[in-house]
Amino acid sequence: MHCISFQIQPKFAREFDREEFLRRVRPVRSPEVDAIEEKGKLFLSFNFFTEFPAQLWQELQPSLFADTDYAPKLAPFCVVICEGESDDECLLLHHFDTSEKLDSF
């Protein structure tokens, strides 16, 4: 099992529109939402579990990063990783810092 996790930067997590994100992704798959408050910071993640991470990542793209209206509301505020079953299986699929080197499937 793999997990594709959208992690919203803590400094933007309180203002992030969770409902709009969920409305966009639910036609593909409903994520588990983790909202953890720690030392005054909110850590917000949307976790998608799948046996087929490359396919799921491709299916999520059109309504998120490929959508010219929505991409500016998401891309600058999140990191997306895909974790596998072992500790050394971790891909960086998106980073708010565009200078970061991304992985692919």
PDB file of N, CA and C in Angstrom:
ATOM      1  N   MET A   1       0.851  -1.187   0.000  1.00  0.00           N
ATOM      2  CA  MET A   1       0.000   0.000   0.000  1.00  0.00           C
ATOM      3  C   MET A   1       0.888   1.238   0.000  1.00  0.00           C
ATOM      4  N   HIS A   2       0.494   2.234  -0.745  1.00  0.00           N
ATOM      5  CA  HIS A   2       1.196   3.508  -0.812  1.00  0.00           C
ATOM      6  C   HIS A   2       0.281   4.610  -0.291  1.00  0.00           C
ATOM      7  N   CYS A   3       0.886   5.713   0.100  1.00  0.00           N
ATOM      8  CA  CYS A   3       0.121   6.870   0.561  1.00  0.00           C
ATOM      9  C   CYS A   3       0.631   8.117  -0.155  1.00  0.00           C
ATOM     10  N   ILE A   4      -0.264   8.783  -0.867  1.00  0.00           N
ATOM     11  CA  ILE A   4       0.044  10.093  -1.444  1.00  0.00           C
ATOM     12  C   ILE A   4      -0.501  11.116  -0.461  1.00  0.00           C
ATOM     13  N   SER A   5       0.405  11.933   0.054  1.00  0.00           N
ATOM     14  CA  SER A   5       0.050  12.871   1.111  1.00  0.00           C
ATOM     15  C   SER A   5       0.265  14.310   0.664  1.00  0.00           C
ATOM     16  N   PHE A   6      -0.798  15.104   0.731  1.00  0.00           N
ATOM     17  CA  PHE A   6      -0.745  16.537   0.466  1.00  0.00           C
ATOM     18  C   PHE A   6      -0.594  17.204   1.828  1.00  0.00           C
ATOM     19  N   GLN A   7       0.545  17.825   2.062  1.00  0.00           N
ATOM     20  CA  GLN A   7       0.827  18.451   3.345  1.00  0.00           C
ATOM     21  C   GLN A   7       0.826  19.965   3.166  1.00  0.00           C
ATOM     22  N   ILE A   8      -0.120  20.614   3.826  1.00  0.00           N
ATOM     23  CA  ILE A   8      -0.252  22.066   3.733  1.00  0.00           C
ATOM     24  C   ILE A   8       0.722  22.691   4.731  1.00  0.00           C
ATOM     25  N   GLN A   9       1.473  23.695   4.287  1.00  0.00           N
ATOM     26  CA  GLN A   9       2.413  24.363   5.181  1.00  0.00           C
ATOM     27  C   GLN A   9       1.662  24.903   6.402  1.00  0.00           C
ATOM     28  N   PRO A  10       2.214  24.692   7.587  1.00  0.00           N
ATOM     29  CA  PRO A  10       1.517  25.125   8.811  1.00  0.00           C
ATOM     30  C   PRO A  10       1.121  26.598   8.816  1.00  0.00           C
ATOM     31  N   LYS A  11       1.942  27.473   8.255  1.00  0.00           N
ATOM     32  CA  LYS A  11       1.584  28.899   8.302  1.00  0.00           C
ATOM     33  C   LYS A  11       0.383  29.244   7.418  1.00  0.00           C
ATOM     34  N   PHE A  12      -0.023  28.325   6.545  1.00  0.00           N
ATOM     35  CA  PHE A  12      -1.195  28.551   5.687  1.00  0.00           C
ATOM     36  C   PHE A  12      -2.351  27.617   6.006  1.00  0.00           C
ATOM     37  N   ALA A  13      -2.152  26.676   6.916  1.00  0.00           N
ATOM     38  CA  ALA A  13      -3.137  25.614   7.151  1.00  0.00           C
ATOM     39  C   ALA A  13      -4.475  26.135   7.668  1.00  0.00           C
ATOM     40  N   ARG A  14      -4.469  27.139   8.533  1.00  0.00           N
ATOM     41  CA  ARG A  14      -5.734  27.636   9.101  1.00  0.00           C
ATOM     42  C   ARG A  14      -6.627  28.290   8.051  1.00  0.00           C
ATOM     43  N   GLU A  15      -6.019  28.954   7.090  1.00  0.00           N
ATOM     44  CA  GLU A  15      -6.792  29.658   6.060  1.00  0.00           C
ATOM     45  C   GLU A  15      -7.091  28.776   4.850  1.00  0.00           C
ATOM     46  N   PHE A  16      -6.443  27.628   4.766  1.00  0.00           N
ATOM     47  CA  PHE A  16      -6.620  26.761   3.604  1.00  0.00           C
ATOM     48  C   PHE A  16      -8.069  26.272   3.528  1.00  0.00           C
ATOM     49  N   ASP A  17      -8.649  26.349   2.340  1.00  0.00           N
ATOM     50  CA  ASP A  17     -10.044  25.960   2.118  1.00  0.00           C
ATOM     51  C   ASP A  17     -10.133  24.442   1.945  1.00  0.00           C
ATOM     52  N   ARG A  18     -10.346  23.753   3.052  1.00  0.00           N
ATOM     53  CA  ARG A  18     -10.420  22.286   3.033  1.00  0.00           C
ATOM     54  C   ARG A  18     -11.585  21.794   2.185  1.00  0.00           C
ATOM     55  N   GLU A  19     -12.716  22.462   2.323  1.00  0.00           N
ATOM     56  CA  GLU A  19     -13.915  22.010   1.603  1.00  0.00           C
ATOM     57  C   GLU A  19     -13.735  22.075   0.099  1.00  0.00           C
ATOM     58  N   GLU A  20     -13.093  23.125  -0.400  1.00  0.00           N
ATOM     59  CA  GLU A  20     -12.865  23.203  -1.850  1.00  0.00           C
ATOM     60  C   GLU A  20     -11.929  22.083  -2.308  1.00  0.00           C
ATOM     61  N   PHE A  21     -10.870  21.834  -1.543  1.00  0.00           N
ATOM     62  CA  PHE A  21      -9.957  20.745  -1.885  1.00  0.00           C
ATOM     63  C   PHE A  21     -10.704  19.411  -1.921  1.00  0.00           C
ATOM     64  N   LEU A  22     -11.480  19.138  -0.875  1.00  0.00           N
ATOM     65  CA  LEU A  22     -12.213  17.881  -0.803  1.00  0.00           C
ATOM     66  C   LEU A  22     -13.244  17.747  -1.919  1.00  0.00           C
ATOM     67  N   ARG A  23     -13.904  18.832  -2.247  1.00  0.00           N
ATOM     68  CA  ARG A  23     -14.892  18.805  -3.335  1.00  0.00           C
ATOM     69  C   ARG A  23     -14.222  18.438  -4.659  1.00  0.00           C
ATOM     70  N   ARG A  24     -12.999  18.880  -4.850  1.00  0.00           N
ATOM     71  CA  ARG A  24     -12.272  18.611  -6.091  1.00  0.00           C
ATOM     72  C   ARG A  24     -11.741  17.179  -6.165  1.00  0.00           C
ATOM     73  N   VAL A  25     -11.343  16.606  -5.042  1.00  0.00           N
ATOM     74  CA  VAL A  25     -10.723  15.280  -5.086  1.00  0.00           C
ATOM     75  C   VAL A  25     -11.699  14.125  -4.864  1.00  0.00           C
ATOM     76  N   ARG A  26     -12.802  14.363  -4.205  1.00  0.00           N
ATOM     77  CA  ARG A  26     -13.722  13.262  -3.877  1.00  0.00           C
ATOM     78  C   ARG A  26     -14.249  12.497  -5.087  1.00  0.00           C
ATOM     79  N   PRO A  27     -14.454  13.119  -6.249  1.00  0.00           N
ATOM     80  CA  PRO A  27     -14.861  12.308  -7.402  1.00  0.00           C
ATOM     81  C   PRO A  27     -13.822  11.238  -7.776  1.00  0.00           C
ATOM     82  N   VAL A  28     -12.572  11.462  -7.414  1.00  0.00           N
ATOM     83  CA  VAL A  28     -11.505  10.488  -7.682  1.00  0.00           C
ATOM     84  C   VAL A  28     -11.367   9.546  -6.498  1.00  0.00           C
ATOM     85  N   ARG A  29     -11.171  10.109  -5.310  1.00  0.00           N
ATOM     86  CA  ARG A  29     -10.998   9.305  -4.097  1.00  0.00           C
ATOM     87  C   ARG A  29     -11.096  10.224  -2.883  1.00  0.00           C
ATOM     88  N   SER A  30     -11.684   9.738  -1.829  1.00  0.00           N
ATOM     89  CA  SER A  30     -11.761  10.500  -0.576  1.00  0.00           C
ATOM     90  C   SER A  30     -10.509  10.236   0.260  1.00  0.00           C
ATOM     91  N   PRO A  31      -9.877  11.304   0.727  1.00  0.00           N
ATOM     92  CA  PRO A  31      -8.680  11.125   1.543  1.00  0.00           C
ATOM     93  C   PRO A  31      -9.019  11.033   3.030  1.00  0.00           C
ATOM     94  N   GLU A  32      -8.055  10.545   3.796  1.00  0.00           N
ATOM     95  CA  GLU A  32      -8.102  10.713   5.242  1.00  0.00           C
ATOM     96  C   GLU A  32      -7.532  12.093   5.520  1.00  0.00           C
ATOM     97  N   VAL A  33      -8.166  12.833   6.402  1.00  0.00           N
ATOM     98  CA  VAL A  33      -7.702  14.185   6.729  1.00  0.00           C
ATOM     99  C   VAL A  33      -7.096  14.152   8.129  1.00  0.00           C
ATOM    100  N   ASP A  34      -5.865  14.596   8.230  1.00  0.00           N
ATOM    101  CA  ASP A  34      -5.197  14.728   9.522  1.00  0.00           C
ATOM    102  C   ASP A  34      -5.004  16.208   9.803  1.00  0.00           C
ATOM    103  N   ALA A  35      -5.552  16.674  10.910  1.00  0.00           N
ATOM    104  CA  ALA A  35      -5.367  18.049  11.364  1.00  0.00           C
ATOM    105  C   ALA A  35      -4.882  17.972  12.802  1.00  0.00           C
ATOM    106  N   ILE A  36      -3.603  18.242  12.980  1.00  0.00           N
ATOM    107  CA  ILE A  36      -2.984  18.096  14.295  1.00  0.00           C
ATOM    108  C   ILE A  36      -2.456  19.449  14.759  1.00  0.00           C
ATOM    109  N   GLU A  37      -2.892  19.854  15.926  1.00  0.00           N
ATOM    110  CA  GLU A  37      -2.435  21.103  16.536  1.00  0.00           C
ATOM    111  C   GLU A  37      -1.274  20.770  17.462  1.00  0.00           C
ATOM    112  N   GLU A  38      -0.142  21.448  17.243  1.00  0.00           N
ATOM    113  CA  GLU A  38       1.027  21.207  18.084  1.00  0.00           C
ATOM    114  C   GLU A  38       1.803  22.507  18.265  1.00  0.00           C
ATOM    115  N   LYS A  39       1.958  22.898  19.508  1.00  0.00           N
ATOM    116  CA  LYS A  39       2.695  24.125  19.853  1.00  0.00           C
ATOM    117  C   LYS A  39       2.194  25.336  19.068  1.00  0.00           C
ATOM    118  N   GLY A  40       0.878  25.450  18.966  1.00  0.00           N
ATOM    119  CA  GLY A  40       0.270  26.598  18.310  1.00  0.00           C
ATOM    120  C   GLY A  40       0.267  26.537  16.797  1.00  0.00           C
ATOM    121  N   LYS A  41       0.778  25.454  16.219  1.00  0.00           N
ATOM    122  CA  LYS A  41       0.790  25.306  14.757  1.00  0.00           C
ATOM    123  C   LYS A  41      -0.194  24.211  14.363  1.00  0.00           C
ATOM    124  N   LEU A  42      -0.846  24.420  13.228  1.00  0.00           N
ATOM    125  CA  LEU A  42      -1.749  23.412  12.688  1.00  0.00           C
ATOM    126  C   LEU A  42      -1.029  22.675  11.568  1.00  0.00           C
ATOM    127  N   PHE A  43      -0.961  21.357  11.702  1.00  0.00           N
ATOM    128  CA  PHE A  43      -0.381  20.508  10.666  1.00  0.00           C
ATOM    129  C   PHE A  43      -1.545  19.812   9.969  1.00  0.00           C
ATOM    130  N   LEU A  44      -1.731  20.129   8.683  1.00  0.00           N
ATOM    131  CA  LEU A  44      -2.877  19.652   7.914  1.00  0.00           C
ATOM    132  C   LEU A  44      -2.397  18.803   6.750  1.00  0.00           C
ATOM    133  N   SER A  45      -2.905  17.567   6.688  1.00  0.00           N
ATOM    134  CA  SER A  45      -2.542  16.651   5.609  1.00  0.00           C
ATOM    135  C   SER A  45      -3.782  15.958   5.070  1.00  0.00           C
ATOM    136  N   PHE A  46      -3.750  15.689   3.771  1.00  0.00           N
ATOM    137  CA  PHE A  46      -4.783  14.909   3.105  1.00  0.00           C
ATOM    138  C   PHE A  46      -4.081  13.670   2.562  1.00  0.00           C
ATOM    139  N   ASN A  47      -4.459  12.487   3.054  1.00  0.00           N
ATOM    140  CA  ASN A  47      -3.742  11.254   2.745  1.00  0.00           C
ATOM    141  C   ASN A  47      -4.607  10.308   1.919  1.00  0.00           C
ATOM    142  N   PHE A  48      -4.078   9.933   0.758  1.00  0.00           N
ATOM    143  CA  PHE A  48      -4.765   9.035  -0.159  1.00  0.00           C
ATOM    144  C   PHE A  48      -4.018   7.706  -0.182  1.00  0.00           C
ATOM    145  N   PHE A  49      -4.690   6.636   0.202  1.00  0.00           N
ATOM    146  CA  PHE A  49      -4.067   5.312   0.228  1.00  0.00           C
ATOM    147  C   PHE A  49      -4.454   4.547  -1.030  1.00  0.00           C
ATOM    148  N   THR A  50      -3.463   3.893  -1.638  1.00  0.00           N
ATOM    149  CA  THR A  50      -3.711   3.214  -2.903  1.00  0.00           C
ATOM    150  C   THR A  50      -2.663   2.146  -3.181  1.00  0.00           C
ATOM    151  N   GLU A  51      -3.047   1.174  -3.963  1.00  0.00           N
ATOM    152  CA  GLU A  51      -2.104   0.174  -4.474  1.00  0.00           C
ATOM    153  C   GLU A  51      -1.485   0.656  -5.785  1.00  0.00           C
ATOM    154  N   PHE A  52      -2.078   1.674  -6.395  1.00  0.00           N
ATOM    155  CA  PHE A  52      -1.642   2.171  -7.699  1.00  0.00           C
ATOM    156  C   PHE A  52      -1.353   3.669  -7.632  1.00  0.00           C
ATOM    157  N   PRO A  53      -0.251   4.059  -7.007  1.00  0.00           N
ATOM    158  CA  PRO A  53       0.011   5.481  -6.774  1.00  0.00           C
ATOM    159  C   PRO A  53       0.212   6.301  -8.050  1.00  0.00           C
ATOM    160  N   ALA A  54       0.871   5.753  -9.051  1.00  0.00           N
ATOM    161  CA  ALA A  54       1.099   6.520 -10.289  1.00  0.00           C
ATOM    162  C   ALA A  54      -0.228   6.847 -10.957  1.00  0.00           C
ATOM    163  N   GLN A  55      -1.124   5.884 -10.987  1.00  0.00           N
ATOM    164  CA  GLN A  55      -2.441   6.101 -11.590  1.00  0.00           C
ATOM    165  C   GLN A  55      -3.240   7.130 -10.787  1.00  0.00           C
ATOM    166  N   LEU A  56      -3.233   7.003  -9.472  1.00  0.00           N
ATOM    167  CA  LEU A  56      -3.971   7.956  -8.643  1.00  0.00           C
ATOM    168  C   LEU A  56      -3.416   9.366  -8.792  1.00  0.00           C
ATOM    169  N   TRP A  57      -2.100   9.506  -8.794  1.00  0.00           N
ATOM    170  CA  TRP A  57      -1.476  10.812  -8.970  1.00  0.00           C
ATOM    171  C   TRP A  57      -1.912  11.433 -10.290  1.00  0.00           C
ATOM    172  N   GLN A  58      -1.938  10.632 -11.331  1.00  0.00           N
ATOM    173  CA  GLN A  58      -2.366  11.115 -12.649  1.00  0.00           C
ATOM    174  C   GLN A  58      -3.842  11.534 -12.621  1.00  0.00           C
ATOM    175  N   GLU A  59      -4.669  10.796 -11.913  1.00  0.00           N
ATOM    176  CA  GLU A  59      -6.095  11.114 -11.843  1.00  0.00           C
ATOM    177  C   GLU A  59      -6.388  12.363 -11.014  1.00  0.00           C
ATOM    178  N   LEU A  60      -5.527  12.673 -10.043  1.00  0.00           N
ATOM    179  CA  LEU A  60      -5.738  13.856  -9.208  1.00  0.00           C
ATOM    180  C   LEU A  60      -5.294  15.154  -9.893  1.00  0.00           C
ATOM    181  N   GLN A  61      -4.365  15.058 -10.814  1.00  0.00           N
ATOM    182  CA  GLN A  61      -3.785  16.240 -11.454  1.00  0.00           C
ATOM    183  C   GLN A  61      -4.797  17.197 -12.104  1.00  0.00           C
ATOM    184  N   PRO A  62      -5.739  16.700 -12.914  1.00  0.00           N
ATOM    185  CA  PRO A  62      -6.614  17.637 -13.634  1.00  0.00           C
ATOM    186  C   PRO A  62      -7.380  18.608 -12.748  1.00  0.00           C
ATOM    187  N   SER A  63      -7.863  18.160 -11.603  1.00  0.00           N
ATOM    188  CA  SER A  63      -8.672  19.051 -10.760  1.00  0.00           C
ATOM    189  C   SER A  63      -7.843  19.842  -9.748  1.00  0.00           C
ATOM    190  N   LEU A  64      -6.540  19.587  -9.702  1.00  0.00           N
ATOM    191  CA  LEU A  64      -5.701  20.284  -8.730  1.00  0.00           C
ATOM    192  C   LEU A  64      -4.650  21.147  -9.426  1.00  0.00           C
ATOM    193  N   PHE A  65      -3.518  20.596  -9.734  1.00  0.00           N
ATOM    194  CA  PHE A  65      -2.412  21.390 -10.273  1.00  0.00           C
ATOM    195  C   PHE A  65      -2.583  21.769 -11.740  1.00  0.00           C
ATOM    196  N   ALA A  66      -3.372  21.017 -12.493  1.00  0.00           N
ATOM    197  CA  ALA A  66      -3.580  21.345 -13.905  1.00  0.00           C
ATOM    198  C   ALA A  66      -4.728  22.331 -14.104  1.00  0.00           C
ATOM    199  N   ASP A  67      -5.473  22.608 -13.054  1.00  0.00           N
ATOM    200  CA  ASP A  67      -6.590  23.555 -13.126  1.00  0.00           C
ATOM    201  C   ASP A  67      -6.038  24.969 -12.914  1.00  0.00           C
ATOM    202  N   THR A  68      -6.110  25.795 -13.932  1.00  0.00           N
ATOM    203  CA  THR A  68      -5.491  27.126 -13.863  1.00  0.00           C
ATOM    204  C   THR A  68      -6.129  28.030 -12.808  1.00  0.00           C
ATOM    205  N   ASP A  69      -7.389  27.789 -12.464  1.00  0.00           N
ATOM    206  CA  ASP A  69      -8.030  28.585 -11.414  1.00  0.00           C
ATOM    207  C   ASP A  69      -7.638  28.095 -10.021  1.00  0.00           C
ATOM    208  N   TYR A  70      -7.515  26.785  -9.854  1.00  0.00           N
ATOM    209  CA  TYR A  70      -7.257  26.243  -8.527  1.00  0.00           C
ATOM    210  C   TYR A  70      -5.772  26.094  -8.199  1.00  0.00           C
ATOM    211  N   ALA A  71      -4.942  25.827  -9.166  1.00  0.00           N
ATOM    212  CA  ALA A  71      -3.507  25.604  -8.910  1.00  0.00           C
ATOM    213  C   ALA A  71      -2.873  26.720  -8.072  1.00  0.00           C
ATOM    214  N   PRO A  72      -3.160  27.997  -8.321  1.00  0.00           N
ATOM    215  CA  PRO A  72      -2.566  29.048  -7.483  1.00  0.00           C
ATOM    216  C   PRO A  72      -3.045  29.025  -6.026  1.00  0.00           C
ATOM    217  N   LYS A  73      -4.153  28.366  -5.756  1.00  0.00           N
ATOM    218  CA  LYS A  73      -4.661  28.251  -4.384  1.00  0.00           C
ATOM    219  C   LYS A  73      -4.034  27.069  -3.642  1.00  0.00           C
ATOM    220  N   LEU A  74      -3.356  26.170  -4.379  1.00  0.00           N
ATOM    221  CA  LEU A  74      -2.799  24.975  -3.774  1.00  0.00           C
ATOM    222  C   LEU A  74      -1.280  24.896  -3.912  1.00  0.00           C
ATOM    223  N   ALA A  75      -0.779  25.066  -5.114  1.00  0.00           N
ATOM    224  CA  ALA A  75       0.648  24.828  -5.405  1.00  0.00           C
ATOM    225  C   ALA A  75       1.615  25.598  -4.498  1.00  0.00           C
ATOM    226  N   PRO A  76       1.390  26.872  -4.207  1.00  0.00           N
ATOM    227  CA  PRO A  76       2.355  27.608  -3.379  1.00  0.00           C
ATOM    228  C   PRO A  76       2.324  27.266  -1.890  1.00  0.00           C
ATOM    229  N   PHE A  77       1.385  26.406  -1.483  1.00  0.00           N
ATOM    230  CA  PHE A  77       1.164  26.179  -0.066  1.00  0.00           C
ATOM    231  C   PHE A  77       1.354  24.735   0.391  1.00  0.00           C
ATOM    232  N   CYS A  78       1.773  23.840  -0.528  1.00  0.00           N
ATOM    233  CA  CYS A  78       1.827  22.436  -0.125  1.00  0.00           C
ATOM    234  C   CYS A  78       3.044  21.692  -0.653  1.00  0.00           C
ATOM    235  N   VAL A  79       3.239  20.543  -0.029  1.00  0.00           N
ATOM    236  CA  VAL A  79       4.218  19.549  -0.451  1.00  0.00           C
ATOM    237  C   VAL A  79       3.414  18.271  -0.654  1.00  0.00           C
ATOM    238  N   VAL A  80       3.743  17.528  -1.720  1.00  0.00           N
ATOM    239  CA  VAL A  80       3.080  16.253  -1.953  1.00  0.00           C
ATOM    240  C   VAL A  80       4.154  15.178  -2.011  1.00  0.00           C
ATOM    241  N   ILE A  81       3.974  14.157  -1.185  1.00  0.00           N
ATOM    242  CA  ILE A  81       4.905  13.040  -1.182  1.00  0.00           C
ATOM    243  C   ILE A  81       4.127  11.742  -1.384  1.00  0.00           C
ATOM    244  N   CYS A  82       4.839  10.742  -1.865  1.00  0.00           N
ATOM    245  CA  CYS A  82       4.276   9.400  -1.967  1.00  0.00           C
ATOM    246  C   CYS A  82       5.187   8.474  -1.194  1.00  0.00           C
ATOM    247  N   GLU A  83       4.628   7.876  -0.159  1.00  0.00           N
ATOM    248  CA  GLU A  83       5.377   6.937   0.663  1.00  0.00           C
ATOM    249  C   GLU A  83       4.944   5.520   0.340  1.00  0.00           C
ATOM    250  N   GLY A  84       5.934   4.635   0.277  1.00  0.00           N
ATOM    251  CA  GLY A  84       5.658   3.235   0.034  1.00  0.00           C
ATOM    252  C   GLY A  84       5.661   2.457   1.334  1.00  0.00           C
ATOM    253  N   GLU A  85       5.755   1.165   1.211  1.00  0.00           N
ATOM    254  CA  GLU A  85       5.698   0.312   2.386  1.00  0.00           C
ATOM    255  C   GLU A  85       7.000   0.288   3.177  1.00  0.00           C
ATOM    256  N   SER A  86       8.114   0.549   2.508  1.00  0.00           N
ATOM    257  CA  SER A  86       9.388   0.563   3.229  1.00  0.00           C
ATOM    258  C   SER A  86       9.808   2.011   3.484  1.00  0.00           C
ATOM    259  N   ASP A  87      10.665   2.197   4.460  1.00  0.00           N
ATOM    260  CA  ASP A  87      11.098   3.544   4.845  1.00  0.00           C
ATOM    261  C   ASP A  87      11.846   4.276   3.746  1.00  0.00           C
ATOM    262  N   ASP A  88      12.491   3.540   2.842  1.00  0.00           N
ATOM    263  CA  ASP A  88      13.276   4.203   1.798  1.00  0.00           C
ATOM    264  C   ASP A  88      12.458   4.492   0.539  1.00  0.00           C
ATOM    265  N   GLU A  89      11.178   4.172   0.549  1.00  0.00           N
ATOM    266  CA  GLU A  89      10.295   4.457  -0.575  1.00  0.00           C
ATOM    267  C   GLU A  89       9.559   5.775  -0.328  1.00  0.00           C
ATOM    268  N   CYS A  90      10.114   6.859  -0.799  1.00  0.00           N
ATOM    269  CA  CYS A  90       9.461   8.155  -0.639  1.00  0.00           C
ATOM    270  C   CYS A  90       9.797   9.020  -1.851  1.00  0.00           C
ATOM    271  N   LEU A  91       8.770   9.467  -2.542  1.00  0.00           N
ATOM    272  CA  LEU A  91       8.933  10.322  -3.711  1.00  0.00           C
ATOM    273  C   LEU A  91       8.389  11.705  -3.396  1.00  0.00           C
ATOM    274  N   LEU A  92       9.098  12.721  -3.835  1.00  0.00           N
ATOM    275  CA  LEU A  92       8.624  14.096  -3.738  1.00  0.00           C
ATOM    276  C   LEU A  92       7.941  14.427  -5.060  1.00  0.00           C
ATOM    277  N   LEU A  93       6.630  14.567  -5.032  1.00  0.00           N
ATOM    278  CA  LEU A  93       5.854  14.788  -6.254  1.00  0.00           C
ATOM    279  C   LEU A  93       5.572  16.254  -6.533  1.00  0.00           C
ATOM    280  N   HIS A  94       5.505  17.049  -5.485  1.00  0.00           N
ATOM    281  CA  HIS A  94       5.277  18.500  -5.632  1.00  0.00           C
ATOM    282  C   HIS A  94       5.885  19.190  -4.421  1.00  0.00           C
ATOM    283  N   HIS A  95       6.436  20.366  -4.666  1.00  0.00           N
ATOM    284  CA  HIS A  95       6.957  21.179  -3.568  1.00  0.00           C
ATOM    285  C   HIS A  95       6.651  22.631  -3.874  1.00  0.00           C
ATOM    286  N   PHE A  96       6.234  23.366  -2.855  1.00  0.00           N
ATOM    287  CA  PHE A  96       5.920  24.791  -3.040  1.00  0.00           C
ATOM    288  C   PHE A  96       7.132  25.579  -3.511  1.00  0.00           C
ATOM    289  N   ASP A  97       8.333  25.113  -3.162  1.00  0.00           N
ATOM    290  CA  ASP A  97       9.576  25.726  -3.634  1.00  0.00           C
ATOM    291  C   ASP A  97       9.919  25.085  -4.975  1.00  0.00           C
ATOM    292  N   THR A  98       9.694  25.813  -6.046  1.00  0.00           N
ATOM    293  CA  THR A  98       9.859  25.251  -7.390  1.00  0.00           C
ATOM    294  C   THR A  98      11.303  24.902  -7.734  1.00  0.00           C
ATOM    295  N   SER A  99      12.249  25.281  -6.893  1.00  0.00           N
ATOM    296  CA  SER A  99      13.641  24.909  -7.154  1.00  0.00           C
ATOM    297  C   SER A  99      13.967  23.496  -6.636  1.00  0.00           C
ATOM    298  N   GLU A 100      13.055  22.914  -5.871  1.00  0.00           N
ATOM    299  CA  GLU A 100      13.255  21.555  -5.354  1.00  0.00           C
ATOM    300  C   GLU A 100      13.147  20.557  -6.511  1.00  0.00           C
ATOM    301  N   LYS A 101      14.032  19.566  -6.508  1.00  0.00           N
ATOM    302  CA  LYS A 101      14.008  18.529  -7.528  1.00  0.00           C
ATOM    303  C   LYS A 101      12.895  17.534  -7.194  1.00  0.00           C
ATOM    304  N   LEU A 102      12.014  17.299  -8.168  1.00  0.00           N
ATOM    305  CA  LEU A 102      10.893  16.402  -7.959  1.00  0.00           C
ATOM    306  C   LEU A 102      11.200  15.019  -8.491  1.00  0.00           C
ATOM    307  N   ASP A 103      10.532  14.030  -7.920  1.00  0.00           N
ATOM    308  CA  ASP A 103      10.630  12.652  -8.381  1.00  0.00           C
ATOM    309  C   ASP A 103       9.439  12.356  -9.297  1.00  0.00           C
ATOM    310  N   SER A 104       9.526  11.241  -9.973  1.00  0.00           N
ATOM    311  CA  SER A 104       8.404  10.787 -10.806  1.00  0.00           C
ATOM    312  C   SER A 104       8.285   9.278 -10.668  1.00  0.00           C
ATOM    313  N   PHE A 105       7.182   8.778 -11.140  1.00  0.00           N
ATOM    314  CA  PHE A 105       6.941   7.333 -11.070  1.00  0.00           C
ATOM    315  C   PHE A 105       7.624   6.648 -12.239  1.00  0.00           C
TER     316      PHE A 105
END
